[in-house]
Amino acid sequence: MSFIRIPIPVIQPLEIIYQTTMPALVEYEDLNYNRELREKMIKLFRNSFVEKLASGSYPDVLSHFSVKQKDKVELVKSVHGAKDSSEDMGLKIRFIEEFFLTDRFMTRALQKATEKEGINWYDLYKYKNEVRNTIHKRLLKKIEKNLQK
């Protein structure tokens, strides 16, 4: 008996080549750490709080200050409800803005508000009343601390 050899071609597995483009990995900046955003929020809330002071929304803050001489504002231990002239109120507000509502104070107050409320820096304006209340409480604590010195 004779064998016939028939060459059988070896079948290679099919190679399927997928040509896909992978989307580029993009990293977005976390806006909570954006310096420009923080500076804008600090400026916004400082101006907002000063406007509220001028409108008389926080009489307990203004009552801790008195105008002794023409251009001299001092802290007062006794809280009094005397009516101030618009000129005296303007002096008090400028004094508070310059010596109490500093960048450092506002940064810490806004940081505290973001931690307390569990919100992002870019969402602070949505919670402006809560943020103003936090600033108000921290300002009163700072005033009390300076009175004890």
Protein backbone atom coordinates (compact mmCIF):
# COMPACT_ATOMS: atom_id res chain seq x y z
CA MET A 1 0.00 0.00 0.00
CA SER A 2 1.30 3.28 -0.89
CA PHE A 3 0.58 6.50 0.82
CA ILE A 4 0.01 9.62 -1.05
CA ARG A 5 1.18 12.71 0.62
CA ILE A 6 -1.02 15.67 0.07
CA PRO A 7 0.38 18.86 1.45
CA ILE A 8 -2.23 20.49 3.68
CA PRO A 9 -1.70 24.20 4.09
CA VAL A 10 -1.38 25.32 7.67
CA ILE A 11 -4.13 27.74 8.49
CA GLN A 12 -2.99 30.70 10.47
CA PRO A 13 -5.44 32.35 12.83
CA LEU A 14 -6.90 35.49 11.44
CA GLU A 15 -5.36 38.67 12.73
CA ILE A 16 -7.94 41.32 13.18
CA ILE A 17 -6.39 44.72 13.55
CA TYR A 18 -8.55 47.28 15.17
CA GLN A 19 -7.49 50.77 14.50
CA THR A 20 -9.01 52.91 17.19
CA THR A 21 -7.94 56.20 18.46
CA MET A 22 -7.70 56.48 22.18
CA PRO A 23 -9.01 59.72 23.52
CA ALA A 24 -6.28 61.83 24.97
CA LEU A 25 -6.17 61.80 28.72
CA VAL A 26 -7.04 65.28 29.83
CA GLU A 27 -6.49 66.55 33.30
CA TYR A 28 -8.73 69.35 34.41
CA GLU A 29 -7.62 71.92 36.90
CA ASP A 30 -9.39 71.68 40.23
CA LEU A 31 -10.95 75.11 40.56
CA ASN A 32 -10.91 74.88 44.35
CA TYR A 33 -7.17 75.53 44.20
CA ASN A 34 -7.28 78.22 41.52
CA ARG A 35 -5.70 81.38 42.94
CA GLU A 36 -7.60 83.73 40.62
CA LEU A 37 -10.95 82.25 41.61
CA ARG A 38 -10.13 82.55 45.30
CA GLU A 39 -9.03 86.16 44.92
CA LYS A 40 -12.25 87.01 43.07
CA MET A 41 -14.38 85.30 45.72
CA ILE A 42 -12.52 87.09 48.51
CA LYS A 43 -13.08 90.44 46.80
CA LEU A 44 -16.73 89.63 46.07
CA PHE A 45 -17.57 88.63 49.64
CA ARG A 46 -15.57 91.45 51.21
CA ASN A 47 -17.46 94.00 49.10
CA SER A 48 -20.75 92.24 49.75
CA PHE A 49 -20.17 92.23 53.51
CA VAL A 50 -19.13 95.88 53.52
CA GLU A 51 -22.32 96.78 51.62
CA LYS A 52 -24.36 94.90 54.22
CA LEU A 53 -22.51 96.77 56.99
CA ALA A 54 -23.31 100.08 55.30
CA SER A 55 -26.98 99.18 54.95
CA GLY A 56 -27.18 98.51 58.69
CA SER A 57 -27.63 94.74 58.51
CA TYR A 58 -25.00 94.12 61.21
CA PRO A 59 -25.49 96.73 63.95
CA ASP A 60 -23.82 94.44 66.51
CA VAL A 61 -20.54 94.75 64.61
CA LEU A 62 -20.68 98.54 64.23
CA SER A 63 -21.63 99.05 67.88
CA HIS A 64 -18.21 97.74 68.96
CA PHE A 65 -16.56 100.78 67.38
CA SER A 66 -16.74 104.45 68.18
CA VAL A 67 -15.30 107.57 66.61
CA LYS A 68 -13.33 109.37 69.36
CA GLN A 69 -11.80 112.21 67.44
CA LYS A 70 -12.43 113.48 63.96
CA ASP A 71 -10.69 110.62 62.13
CA LYS A 72 -9.90 108.16 64.91
CA VAL A 73 -11.89 104.94 65.35
CA GLU A 74 -11.47 102.76 68.43
CA LEU A 75 -12.82 99.50 69.75
CA VAL A 76 -15.30 99.88 72.58
CA LYS A 77 -16.01 97.22 75.21
CA SER A 78 -19.50 98.35 76.02
CA VAL A 79 -21.95 97.78 73.22
CA HIS A 80 -24.18 100.80 72.79
CA GLY A 81 -26.97 101.52 70.39
CA ALA A 82 -26.20 105.18 69.69
CA LYS A 83 -27.12 106.40 66.24
CA ASP A 84 -24.07 107.32 64.17
CA SER A 85 -23.88 110.00 61.56
CA SER A 86 -23.23 108.78 58.03
CA GLU A 87 -19.72 110.23 58.26
CA ASP A 88 -18.97 108.29 61.45
CA MET A 89 -20.43 105.13 59.97
CA GLY A 90 -18.23 105.53 56.90
CA LEU A 91 -15.15 105.90 59.12
CA LYS A 92 -16.10 102.78 61.07
CA ILE A 93 -16.68 100.76 57.93
CA ARG A 94 -13.36 101.83 56.40
CA PHE A 95 -11.63 100.95 59.67
CA ILE A 96 -13.25 97.50 59.76
CA GLU A 97 -12.46 96.90 56.11
CA GLU A 98 -8.82 97.89 56.51
CA PHE A 99 -7.94 96.24 59.82
CA PHE A 100 -10.40 93.38 60.23
CA LEU A 101 -11.56 92.21 56.79
CA THR A 102 -8.03 91.49 55.58
CA ASP A 103 -7.17 89.02 52.83
CA ARG A 104 -5.99 86.52 55.42
CA PHE A 105 -9.16 86.85 57.49
CA MET A 106 -11.40 86.51 54.43
CA THR A 107 -9.44 83.52 53.11
CA ARG A 108 -9.82 81.72 56.41
CA ALA A 109 -13.49 82.64 56.73
CA LEU A 110 -14.28 81.41 53.22
CA GLN A 111 -12.23 78.26 53.78
CA LYS A 112 -14.21 77.64 56.96
CA ALA A 113 -17.46 78.18 55.07
CA THR A 114 -16.46 75.68 52.37
CA GLU A 115 -15.58 73.08 55.01
CA LYS A 116 -18.67 73.75 57.13
CA GLU A 117 -21.14 73.68 54.26
CA GLY A 118 -19.25 71.05 52.24
CA ILE A 119 -19.24 73.17 49.09
CA ASN A 120 -16.69 74.18 46.48
CA TRP A 121 -15.14 77.61 46.13
CA TYR A 122 -16.89 78.15 42.81
CA ASP A 123 -20.27 77.43 44.45
CA LEU A 124 -19.85 79.94 47.28
CA TYR A 125 -22.11 82.53 45.68
CA LYS A 126 -25.02 80.08 45.67
CA TYR A 127 -24.70 79.95 49.47
CA LYS A 128 -24.01 83.66 49.98
CA ASN A 129 -26.24 84.03 53.05
CA GLU A 130 -24.57 81.14 54.87
CA VAL A 131 -21.15 82.48 53.89
CA ARG A 132 -22.02 85.99 55.13
CA ASN A 133 -23.20 84.49 58.43
CA THR A 134 -19.89 82.65 58.77
CA ILE A 135 -17.97 85.86 58.08
CA HIS A 136 -20.17 87.72 60.59
CA LYS A 137 -19.56 85.16 63.35
CA ARG A 138 -15.82 85.05 62.72
CA LEU A 139 -15.64 88.85 62.68
CA LEU A 140 -17.43 89.07 66.03
CA LYS A 141 -15.00 86.51 67.48
CA LYS A 142 -12.06 88.52 66.19
CA ILE A 143 -13.46 91.73 67.67
CA GLU A 144 -14.03 90.03 71.05
CA LYS A 145 -10.49 88.64 70.95
CA ASN A 146 -9.05 92.11 70.28
CA LEU A 147 -11.12 93.58 73.09
CA GLN A 148 -9.62 91.10 75.57
CA LYS A 149 -6.07 92.22 74.77
